[in-house]
Amino acid sequence: DFDSDDRGYVYLGTYNFGWGIESDSGGADGSHLQYVAQLTNDFEARKMISLKSGAGYYVYYSTDSYARLYDVTAPATPQLLSTRTGVSKSIEAWSKYDAGERVALVNSDSHVRVYTYAALIANGAPLADLIPASGKFFRDLSFDDDGNLWLAESTFSSPTTNLLWRLTPSGGGYTTTTMDVYGSAFTPATIHASAGYIAVGGAGPSSPTESDLRLFKMVGGVPQLLDTNGFFGKYYHNAPAGYAQPYFYSILRRVRILAQGGKTYLFYS
């Protein structure tokens, strides 16, 4: 995993080599980022989150069984502040809303917890603690540009009816809304909300490895399903005449929406 801060430092986690810090000061020719620090005593870096609170900078680093908080205000000499054990501290997925200094986590106990930056740093109580419906889990989550949190509900086995969840800020917490919007059996794996759109990548109804997408445009606060004209089905599963059939295809693992230069782009892998 990786994250960055507003000073231009990039935090990179790896499975076997600990995690490290580099500076976004490479040349315009694309030369490598500059080495700052590496911590080789932390292995299996599942997730990494960069947080700024007041004048301090922090990294919340997670394996599959514990999490650690580092002070990286001086990035060349990271300082370990605490180790937090248990699956309720480990992270499967995360999303940040910098404008509101809030971070949402899918923890390894299947809960979704939303914290202020200050509360997560202090090991304080979450603003929200959400448990999925029986037989379901939350695969991924994403804040939109207005601070609403969108959750991709999923199942462990065959495609079925899964819901799109929205957490809307309300007072000191959140209100929860669920929506049956996918139109057919669909197994989400990743979600991203930005620029008035929501993209949910996953697997279609025919196979657990059939990559598929549900793309929504927000209209009056309600997600409206857009027709992607069977793009993934046509070009990844049943290639038209004259096009090569991919040897291997799989569930969509990551989607991102970016608005730039008067256009809105969808990236996927």
C-alpha atoms as a PDB file:
ATOM      1  CA  ASP A   1       0.000   0.000   0.000  1.00  0.00           C
ATOM      2  CA  PHE A   2       1.064   3.635  -0.180  1.00  0.00           C
ATOM      3  CA  ASP A   3      -0.007   7.139   0.779  1.00  0.00           C
ATOM      4  CA  SER A   4       1.462  10.635   0.682  1.00  0.00           C
ATOM      5  CA  ASP A   5       1.263  13.934   2.542  1.00  0.00           C
ATOM      6  CA  ASP A   6       1.082  17.604   1.608  1.00  0.00           C
ATOM      7  CA  ARG A   7       4.843  18.036   2.087  1.00  0.00           C
ATOM      8  CA  GLY A   8       5.662  15.744  -0.816  1.00  0.00           C
ATOM      9  CA  TYR A   9       6.635  12.643   1.172  1.00  0.00           C
ATOM     10  CA  VAL A  10       5.475   9.234  -0.037  1.00  0.00           C
ATOM     11  CA  TYR A  11       4.981   6.315   2.375  1.00  0.00           C
ATOM     12  CA  LEU A  12       5.409   2.870   0.844  1.00  0.00           C
ATOM     13  CA  GLY A  13       4.598  -0.459   2.472  1.00  0.00           C
ATOM     14  CA  THR A  14       5.785  -3.846   1.233  1.00  0.00           C
ATOM     15  CA  TYR A  15       5.134  -7.428   2.235  1.00  0.00           C
ATOM     16  CA  ASN A  16       8.697  -8.552   2.994  1.00  0.00           C
ATOM     17  CA  PHE A  17      10.847  -5.440   3.325  1.00  0.00           C
ATOM     18  CA  GLY A  18       9.089  -3.287   5.914  1.00  0.00           C
ATOM     19  CA  TRP A  19       8.036   0.201   4.880  1.00  0.00           C
ATOM     20  CA  GLY A  20       9.811   3.332   3.858  1.00  0.00           C
ATOM     21  CA  ILE A  21       9.625   7.013   3.060  1.00  0.00           C
ATOM     22  CA  GLU A  22      10.669   8.757  -0.116  1.00  0.00           C
ATOM     23  CA  SER A  23      10.576  12.383  -1.186  1.00  0.00           C
ATOM     24  CA  ASP A  24       8.692  13.507  -4.257  1.00  0.00           C
ATOM     25  CA  SER A  25      11.669  15.441  -5.536  1.00  0.00           C
ATOM     26  CA  GLY A  26      12.732  13.386  -8.521  1.00  0.00           C
ATOM     27  CA  GLY A  27      13.646  15.076 -11.747  1.00  0.00           C
ATOM     28  CA  ALA A  28      11.149  16.090 -14.410  1.00  0.00           C
ATOM     29  CA  ASP A  29      12.594  13.315 -16.555  1.00  0.00           C
ATOM     30  CA  GLY A  30      10.932  10.729 -14.298  1.00  0.00           C
ATOM     31  CA  SER A  31      13.970   9.834 -12.230  1.00  0.00           C
ATOM     32  CA  HIS A  32      13.431   7.941  -8.995  1.00  0.00           C
ATOM     33  CA  LEU A  33      12.042   9.529  -5.857  1.00  0.00           C
ATOM     34  CA  GLN A  34      14.697  10.288  -3.286  1.00  0.00           C
ATOM     35  CA  TYR A  35      15.256   7.883  -0.389  1.00  0.00           C
ATOM     36  CA  VAL A  36      14.460   9.286   3.072  1.00  0.00           C
ATOM     37  CA  ALA A  37      14.081   6.359   5.501  1.00  0.00           C
ATOM     38  CA  GLN A  38      13.322   2.630   5.668  1.00  0.00           C
ATOM     39  CA  LEU A  39      12.009   0.600   8.607  1.00  0.00           C
ATOM     40  CA  THR A  40      12.926  -3.042   8.100  1.00  0.00           C
ATOM     41  CA  ASN A  41      11.583  -4.294  11.449  1.00  0.00           C
ATOM     42  CA  ASP A  42       7.948  -3.969  10.301  1.00  0.00           C
ATOM     43  CA  PHE A  43       6.843  -6.689   7.894  1.00  0.00           C
ATOM     44  CA  GLU A  44       3.668  -7.539   5.997  1.00  0.00           C
ATOM     45  CA  ALA A  45       2.565  -3.949   5.477  1.00  0.00           C
ATOM     46  CA  ARG A  46      -1.078  -4.533   4.640  1.00  0.00           C
ATOM     47  CA  LYS A  47      -2.168  -0.888   4.722  1.00  0.00           C
ATOM     48  CA  MET A  48      -0.592   2.537   5.314  1.00  0.00           C
ATOM     49  CA  ILE A  49      -2.350   5.827   6.023  1.00  0.00           C
ATOM     50  CA  SER A  50      -0.746   9.248   6.218  1.00  0.00           C
ATOM     51  CA  LEU A  51      -2.434  11.651   8.658  1.00  0.00           C
ATOM     52  CA  LYS A  52      -1.856  15.309   9.478  1.00  0.00           C
ATOM     53  CA  SER A  53      -3.164  16.686  12.762  1.00  0.00           C
ATOM     54  CA  GLY A  54      -2.196  20.161  13.906  1.00  0.00           C
ATOM     55  CA  ALA A  55       1.507  20.604  13.228  1.00  0.00           C
ATOM     56  CA  GLY A  56       2.193  16.874  13.406  1.00  0.00           C
ATOM     57  CA  TYR A  57       2.458  14.231  10.684  1.00  0.00           C
ATOM     58  CA  TYR A  58       1.725  10.555  11.337  1.00  0.00           C
ATOM     59  CA  VAL A  59       1.619   7.171   9.637  1.00  0.00           C
ATOM     60  CA  TYR A  60      -0.828   4.482  10.704  1.00  0.00           C
ATOM     61  CA  TYR A  61       0.653   1.183   9.580  1.00  0.00           C
ATOM     62  CA  SER A  62      -1.275  -2.108   9.651  1.00  0.00           C
ATOM     63  CA  THR A  63      -0.497  -5.809   9.332  1.00  0.00           C
ATOM     64  CA  ASP A  64      -3.168  -8.516   9.479  1.00  0.00           C
ATOM     65  CA  SER A  65      -3.070  -8.684  13.283  1.00  0.00           C
ATOM     66  CA  TYR A  66      -1.892  -5.324  14.659  1.00  0.00           C
ATOM     67  CA  ALA A  67      -1.365  -1.675  13.809  1.00  0.00           C
ATOM     68  CA  ARG A  68       1.360   0.811  14.675  1.00  0.00           C
ATOM     69  CA  LEU A  69       1.321   4.579  14.865  1.00  0.00           C
ATOM     70  CA  TYR A  70       4.451   6.521  13.911  1.00  0.00           C
ATOM     71  CA  ASP A  71       5.251  10.193  14.233  1.00  0.00           C
ATOM     72  CA  VAL A  72       6.886  11.234  10.939  1.00  0.00           C
ATOM     73  CA  THR A  73       6.999  14.967  11.553  1.00  0.00           C
ATOM     74  CA  ALA A  74      10.754  14.496  11.102  1.00  0.00           C
ATOM     75  CA  PRO A  75      10.563  12.013   8.206  1.00  0.00           C
ATOM     76  CA  ALA A  76      14.206  10.930   8.333  1.00  0.00           C
ATOM     77  CA  THR A  77      13.719   9.649  11.904  1.00  0.00           C
ATOM     78  CA  PRO A  78      10.219   8.125  12.324  1.00  0.00           C
ATOM     79  CA  GLN A  79       9.235   7.607  15.963  1.00  0.00           C
ATOM     80  CA  LEU A  80       7.045   4.680  17.054  1.00  0.00           C
ATOM     81  CA  LEU A  81       4.282   6.007  19.320  1.00  0.00           C
ATOM     82  CA  SER A  82       2.111   2.934  19.917  1.00  0.00           C
ATOM     83  CA  THR A  83       1.355  -0.635  18.886  1.00  0.00           C
ATOM     84  CA  ARG A  84      -2.315  -1.646  18.826  1.00  0.00           C
ATOM     85  CA  THR A  85      -3.083  -5.345  18.702  1.00  0.00           C
ATOM     86  CA  GLY A  86      -6.176  -7.201  17.557  1.00  0.00           C
ATOM     87  CA  VAL A  87      -8.306  -7.454  14.436  1.00  0.00           C
ATOM     88  CA  SER A  88     -10.320  -4.373  15.421  1.00  0.00           C
ATOM     89  CA  LYS A  89      -7.150  -2.311  14.793  1.00  0.00           C
ATOM     90  CA  SER A  90      -5.949  -4.059  11.625  1.00  0.00           C
ATOM     91  CA  ILE A  91      -7.091  -2.559   8.314  1.00  0.00           C
ATOM     92  CA  GLU A  92      -8.443  -4.193   5.154  1.00  0.00           C
ATOM     93  CA  ALA A  93      -9.375  -0.961   3.328  1.00  0.00           C
ATOM     94  CA  TRP A  94      -9.437   2.764   4.061  1.00  0.00           C
ATOM     95  CA  SER A  95     -10.514   6.147   2.710  1.00  0.00           C
ATOM     96  CA  LYS A  96      -9.728   9.700   3.836  1.00  0.00           C
ATOM     97  CA  TYR A  97     -11.671  12.965   3.681  1.00  0.00           C
ATOM     98  CA  ASP A  98      -8.987  15.579   4.193  1.00  0.00           C
ATOM     99  CA  ALA A  99     -11.400  18.534   4.149  1.00  0.00           C
ATOM    100  CA  GLY A 100     -13.119  17.160   7.249  1.00  0.00           C
ATOM    101  CA  GLU A 101     -10.063  15.386   8.707  1.00  0.00           C
ATOM    102  CA  ARG A 102     -11.934  12.082   8.804  1.00  0.00           C
ATOM    103  CA  VAL A 103     -10.755   8.590   7.962  1.00  0.00           C
ATOM    104  CA  ALA A 104     -12.869   5.473   7.426  1.00  0.00           C
ATOM    105  CA  LEU A 105     -11.506   1.968   7.955  1.00  0.00           C
ATOM    106  CA  VAL A 106     -12.667  -1.515   7.095  1.00  0.00           C
ATOM    107  CA  ASN A 107     -11.157  -3.373  10.036  1.00  0.00           C
ATOM    108  CA  SER A 108     -10.306  -7.068  10.045  1.00  0.00           C
ATOM    109  CA  ASP A 109     -13.238  -7.796  12.377  1.00  0.00           C
ATOM    110  CA  SER A 110     -15.519  -6.759   9.447  1.00  0.00           C
ATOM    111  CA  HIS A 111     -16.582  -3.484  11.091  1.00  0.00           C
ATOM    112  CA  VAL A 112     -16.433  -0.118   9.362  1.00  0.00           C
ATOM    113  CA  ARG A 113     -15.231   2.571  11.749  1.00  0.00           C
ATOM    114  CA  VAL A 114     -15.043   6.288  11.017  1.00  0.00           C
ATOM    115  CA  TYR A 115     -12.669   8.467  13.050  1.00  0.00           C
ATOM    116  CA  THR A 116     -11.508  12.018  13.133  1.00  0.00           C
ATOM    117  CA  TYR A 117      -7.785  12.169  12.439  1.00  0.00           C
ATOM    118  CA  ALA A 118      -7.170  13.289  16.025  1.00  0.00           C
ATOM    119  CA  ALA A 119      -9.229  10.413  17.469  1.00  0.00           C
ATOM    120  CA  LEU A 120      -7.426   7.743  15.447  1.00  0.00           C
ATOM    121  CA  ILE A 121      -4.061   9.155  16.464  1.00  0.00           C
ATOM    122  CA  ALA A 122      -5.124   9.214  20.133  1.00  0.00           C
ATOM    123  CA  ASN A 123      -6.740   5.740  19.965  1.00  0.00           C
ATOM    124  CA  GLY A 124     -10.072   7.396  20.760  1.00  0.00           C
ATOM    125  CA  ALA A 125     -13.658   6.420  20.022  1.00  0.00           C
ATOM    126  CA  PRO A 126     -14.982   6.359  16.434  1.00  0.00           C
ATOM    127  CA  LEU A 127     -17.714   8.641  15.143  1.00  0.00           C
ATOM    128  CA  ALA A 128     -19.416   5.596  13.639  1.00  0.00           C
ATOM    129  CA  ASP A 129     -19.092   1.827  14.059  1.00  0.00           C
ATOM    130  CA  LEU A 130     -20.992  -0.176  11.453  1.00  0.00           C
ATOM    131  CA  ILE A 131     -21.465  -3.953  11.265  1.00  0.00           C
ATOM    132  CA  PRO A 132     -22.444  -5.587   7.931  1.00  0.00           C
ATOM    133  CA  ALA A 133     -25.577  -7.648   7.461  1.00  0.00           C
ATOM    134  CA  SER A 134     -25.403 -11.377   8.165  1.00  0.00           C
ATOM    135  CA  GLY A 135     -23.487 -13.226   5.438  1.00  0.00           C
ATOM    136  CA  LYS A 136     -22.086  -9.981   3.999  1.00  0.00           C
ATOM    137  CA  PHE A 137     -18.948  -7.908   4.458  1.00  0.00           C
ATOM    138  CA  PHE A 138     -17.671  -4.524   3.337  1.00  0.00           C
ATOM    139  CA  ARG A 139     -15.164  -4.955   0.538  1.00  0.00           C
ATOM    140  CA  ASP A 140     -14.164  -1.327   0.015  1.00  0.00           C
ATOM    141  CA  LEU A 141     -15.236   2.234   0.806  1.00  0.00           C
ATOM    142  CA  SER A 142     -14.797   5.780  -0.454  1.00  0.00           C
ATOM    143  CA  PHE A 143     -15.549   9.300   0.703  1.00  0.00           C
ATOM    144  CA  ASP A 144     -17.005  11.538  -1.998  1.00  0.00           C
ATOM    145  CA  ASP A 145     -16.135  15.207  -2.456  1.00  0.00           C
ATOM    146  CA  ASP A 146     -18.870  16.273   0.006  1.00  0.00           C
ATOM    147  CA  GLY A 147     -17.829  13.987   2.863  1.00  0.00           C
ATOM    148  CA  ASN A 148     -20.420  11.256   2.324  1.00  0.00           C
ATOM    149  CA  LEU A 149     -19.011   7.761   2.785  1.00  0.00           C
ATOM    150  CA  TRP A 150     -19.958   5.061   0.257  1.00  0.00           C
ATOM    151  CA  LEU A 151     -19.544   1.372   1.089  1.00  0.00           C
ATOM    152  CA  ALA A 152     -19.393  -1.609  -1.261  1.00  0.00           C
ATOM    153  CA  GLU A 153     -21.207  -4.517   0.381  1.00  0.00           C
ATOM    154  CA  SER A 154     -20.243  -7.972  -0.864  1.00  0.00           C
ATOM    155  CA  THR A 155     -20.487 -11.699  -0.231  1.00  0.00           C
ATOM    156  CA  PHE A 156     -17.900 -14.425   0.152  1.00  0.00           C
ATOM    157  CA  SER A 157     -19.296 -16.749  -2.496  1.00  0.00           C
ATOM    158  CA  SER A 158     -21.504 -16.527  -5.604  1.00  0.00           C
ATOM    159  CA  PRO A 159     -22.922 -13.237  -6.898  1.00  0.00           C
ATOM    160  CA  THR A 160     -26.186 -12.182  -5.286  1.00  0.00           C
ATOM    161  CA  THR A 161     -28.096  -9.019  -4.464  1.00  0.00           C
ATOM    162  CA  ASN A 162     -25.675  -6.660  -2.745  1.00  0.00           C
ATOM    163  CA  LEU A 163     -26.487  -3.169  -1.586  1.00  0.00           C
ATOM    164  CA  LEU A 164     -24.751   0.163  -1.974  1.00  0.00           C
ATOM    165  CA  TRP A 165     -24.420   1.879   1.421  1.00  0.00           C
ATOM    166  CA  ARG A 166     -24.137   5.604   2.123  1.00  0.00           C
ATOM    167  CA  LEU A 167     -23.157   7.199   5.412  1.00  0.00           C
ATOM    168  CA  THR A 168     -24.147  10.864   5.553  1.00  0.00           C
ATOM    169  CA  PRO A 169     -22.649  13.202   8.190  1.00  0.00           C
ATOM    170  CA  SER A 170     -25.262  14.085  10.801  1.00  0.00           C
ATOM    171  CA  GLY A 171     -24.340  16.044  13.907  1.00  0.00           C
ATOM    172  CA  GLY A 172     -21.425  14.263  15.536  1.00  0.00           C
ATOM    173  CA  GLY A 173     -22.078  11.006  13.691  1.00  0.00           C
ATOM    174  CA  TYR A 174     -23.624   9.568  10.532  1.00  0.00           C
ATOM    175  CA  THR A 175     -26.970   8.401   9.199  1.00  0.00           C
ATOM    176  CA  THR A 176     -27.055   5.217   7.117  1.00  0.00           C
ATOM    177  CA  THR A 177     -28.919   4.578   3.865  1.00  0.00           C
ATOM    178  CA  THR A 178     -28.865   1.360   1.796  1.00  0.00           C
ATOM    179  CA  MET A 179     -29.692   1.242  -1.906  1.00  0.00           C
ATOM    180  CA  ASP A 180     -30.481  -1.646  -4.255  1.00  0.00           C
ATOM    181  CA  VAL A 181     -29.088  -0.041  -7.398  1.00  0.00           C
ATOM    182  CA  TYR A 182     -26.910  -2.546  -9.257  1.00  0.00           C
ATOM    183  CA  GLY A 183     -29.735  -3.886 -11.426  1.00  0.00           C
ATOM    184  CA  SER A 184     -28.607  -7.529 -11.289  1.00  0.00           C
ATOM    185  CA  ALA A 185     -26.469  -9.936  -9.270  1.00  0.00           C
ATOM    186  CA  PHE A 186     -23.114  -8.269  -8.756  1.00  0.00           C
ATOM    187  CA  THR A 187     -20.144  -8.856  -6.424  1.00  0.00           C
ATOM    188  CA  PRO A 188     -18.310  -5.582  -5.639  1.00  0.00           C
ATOM    189  CA  ALA A 189     -14.580  -5.531  -4.983  1.00  0.00           C
ATOM    190  CA  THR A 190     -13.669  -1.831  -5.173  1.00  0.00           C
ATOM    191  CA  ILE A 191     -15.379   1.557  -5.095  1.00  0.00           C
ATOM    192  CA  HIS A 192     -14.468   5.183  -5.707  1.00  0.00           C
ATOM    193  CA  ALA A 193     -16.654   8.294  -5.543  1.00  0.00           C
ATOM    194  CA  SER A 194     -15.578  11.636  -6.979  1.00  0.00           C
ATOM    195  CA  ALA A 195     -16.651  14.446  -9.325  1.00  0.00           C
ATOM    196  CA  GLY A 196     -20.333  13.509  -9.058  1.00  0.00           C
ATOM    197  CA  TYR A 197     -19.793   9.867 -10.042  1.00  0.00           C
ATOM    198  CA  ILE A 198     -19.477   6.542  -8.256  1.00  0.00           C
ATOM    199  CA  ALA A 199     -17.664   3.596  -9.816  1.00  0.00           C
ATOM    200  CA  VAL A 200     -18.016   0.113  -8.330  1.00  0.00           C
ATOM    201  CA  GLY A 201     -15.801  -2.595  -9.811  1.00  0.00           C
ATOM    202  CA  GLY A 202     -16.216  -6.291  -9.216  1.00  0.00           C
ATOM    203  CA  ALA A 203     -17.549  -9.481 -10.770  1.00  0.00           C
ATOM    204  CA  GLY A 204     -20.655  -9.979 -12.873  1.00  0.00           C
ATOM    205  CA  PRO A 205     -23.406 -12.576 -12.494  1.00  0.00           C
ATOM    206  CA  SER A 206     -21.926 -15.289 -14.703  1.00  0.00           C
ATOM    207  CA  SER A 207     -18.632 -16.057 -12.993  1.00  0.00           C
ATOM    208  CA  PRO A 208     -16.696 -15.063  -9.853  1.00  0.00           C
ATOM    209  CA  THR A 209     -13.843 -14.027 -12.155  1.00  0.00           C
ATOM    210  CA  GLU A 210     -15.912 -12.075 -14.673  1.00  0.00           C
ATOM    211  CA  SER A 211     -14.767  -8.452 -14.400  1.00  0.00           C
ATOM    212  CA  ASP A 212     -17.661  -6.025 -14.416  1.00  0.00           C
ATOM    213  CA  LEU A 213     -18.443  -2.416 -13.515  1.00  0.00           C
ATOM    214  CA  ARG A 214     -21.402  -0.437 -12.179  1.00  0.00           C
ATOM    215  CA  LEU A 215     -21.045   3.266 -12.938  1.00  0.00           C
ATOM    216  CA  PHE A 216     -23.371   5.852 -11.372  1.00  0.00           C
ATOM    217  CA  LYS A 217     -23.930   9.573 -11.867  1.00  0.00           C
ATOM    218  CA  MET A 218     -25.270  11.506  -8.908  1.00  0.00           C
ATOM    219  CA  VAL A 219     -28.532  13.273  -9.785  1.00  0.00           C
ATOM    220  CA  GLY A 220     -30.238  15.177  -6.990  1.00  0.00           C
ATOM    221  CA  GLY A 221     -28.249  13.227  -4.428  1.00  0.00           C
ATOM    222  CA  VAL A 222     -29.365   9.875  -5.860  1.00  0.00           C
ATOM    223  CA  PRO A 223     -27.014   7.542  -7.812  1.00  0.00           C
ATOM    224  CA  GLN A 224     -28.340   6.853 -11.320  1.00  0.00           C
ATOM    225  CA  LEU A 225     -26.963   3.751 -13.061  1.00  0.00           C
ATOM    226  CA  LEU A 226     -25.283   4.542 -16.388  1.00  0.00           C
ATOM    227  CA  ASP A 227     -25.147   2.159 -19.326  1.00  0.00           C
ATOM    228  CA  THR A 228     -21.526   1.206 -20.028  1.00  0.00           C
ATOM    229  CA  ASN A 229     -22.676  -0.766 -23.089  1.00  0.00           C
ATOM    230  CA  GLY A 230     -21.309  -4.070 -21.809  1.00  0.00           C
ATOM    231  CA  PHE A 231     -17.728  -2.854 -22.201  1.00  0.00           C
ATOM    232  CA  PHE A 232     -16.076  -5.439 -19.956  1.00  0.00           C
ATOM    233  CA  GLY A 233     -18.273  -8.268 -21.180  1.00  0.00           C
ATOM    234  CA  LYS A 234     -17.506  -7.505 -24.817  1.00  0.00           C
ATOM    235  CA  TYR A 235     -13.828  -6.725 -24.631  1.00  0.00           C
ATOM    236  CA  TYR A 236     -12.671  -8.969 -21.790  1.00  0.00           C
ATOM    237  CA  HIS A 237     -14.923 -12.009 -21.977  1.00  0.00           C
ATOM    238  CA  ASN A 238     -16.276 -12.237 -25.535  1.00  0.00           C
ATOM    239  CA  ALA A 239     -13.897 -10.399 -27.807  1.00  0.00           C
ATOM    240  CA  PRO A 240     -15.506  -9.221 -31.090  1.00  0.00           C
ATOM    241  CA  ALA A 241     -14.221 -10.390 -34.446  1.00  0.00           C
ATOM    242  CA  GLY A 242     -10.734  -9.135 -35.129  1.00  0.00           C
ATOM    243  CA  TYR A 243      -9.851  -8.640 -31.469  1.00  0.00           C
ATOM    244  CA  ALA A 244      -7.725 -10.995 -29.415  1.00  0.00           C
ATOM    245  CA  GLN A 245      -9.401 -12.786 -26.525  1.00  0.00           C
ATOM    246  CA  PRO A 246      -7.454 -12.041 -23.318  1.00  0.00           C
ATOM    247  CA  TYR A 247      -5.762 -15.158 -21.996  1.00  0.00           C
ATOM    248  CA  PHE A 248      -6.606 -14.259 -18.396  1.00  0.00           C
ATOM    249  CA  TYR A 249      -9.062 -11.853 -16.874  1.00  0.00           C
ATOM    250  CA  SER A 250     -10.228 -11.385 -13.348  1.00  0.00           C
ATOM    251  CA  ILE A 251     -12.354  -9.329 -11.016  1.00  0.00           C
ATOM    252  CA  LEU A 252     -11.745  -5.570 -11.111  1.00  0.00           C
ATOM    253  CA  ARG A 253      -9.423  -4.770  -8.210  1.00  0.00           C
ATOM    254  CA  ARG A 254      -9.191  -0.996  -8.238  1.00  0.00           C
ATOM    255  CA  VAL A 255     -11.156   1.856  -9.805  1.00  0.00           C
ATOM    256  CA  ARG A 256     -10.479   5.578  -9.616  1.00  0.00           C
ATOM    257  CA  ILE A 257     -12.324   8.624 -10.950  1.00  0.00           C
ATOM    258  CA  LEU A 258     -10.447  11.809 -11.796  1.00  0.00           C
ATOM    259  CA  ALA A 259     -11.813  15.114 -13.107  1.00  0.00           C
ATOM    260  CA  GLN A 260      -9.259  17.188 -14.969  1.00  0.00           C
ATOM    261  CA  GLY A 261      -9.227  19.619 -17.880  1.00  0.00           C
ATOM    262  CA  GLY A 262     -13.001  19.604 -18.337  1.00  0.00           C
ATOM    263  CA  LYS A 263     -13.206  15.816 -18.612  1.00  0.00           C
ATOM    264  CA  THR A 264     -13.880  13.030 -16.130  1.00  0.00           C
ATOM    265  CA  TYR A 265     -11.732   9.894 -16.407  1.00  0.00           C
ATOM    266  CA  LEU A 266     -12.195   6.369 -15.081  1.00  0.00           C
ATOM    267  CA  PHE A 267      -9.094   4.300 -14.338  1.00  0.00           C
ATOM    268  CA  TYR A 268      -9.334   0.595 -13.529  1.00  0.00           C
ATOM    269  CA  SER A 269      -7.089  -2.412 -13.001  1.00  0.00           C
END
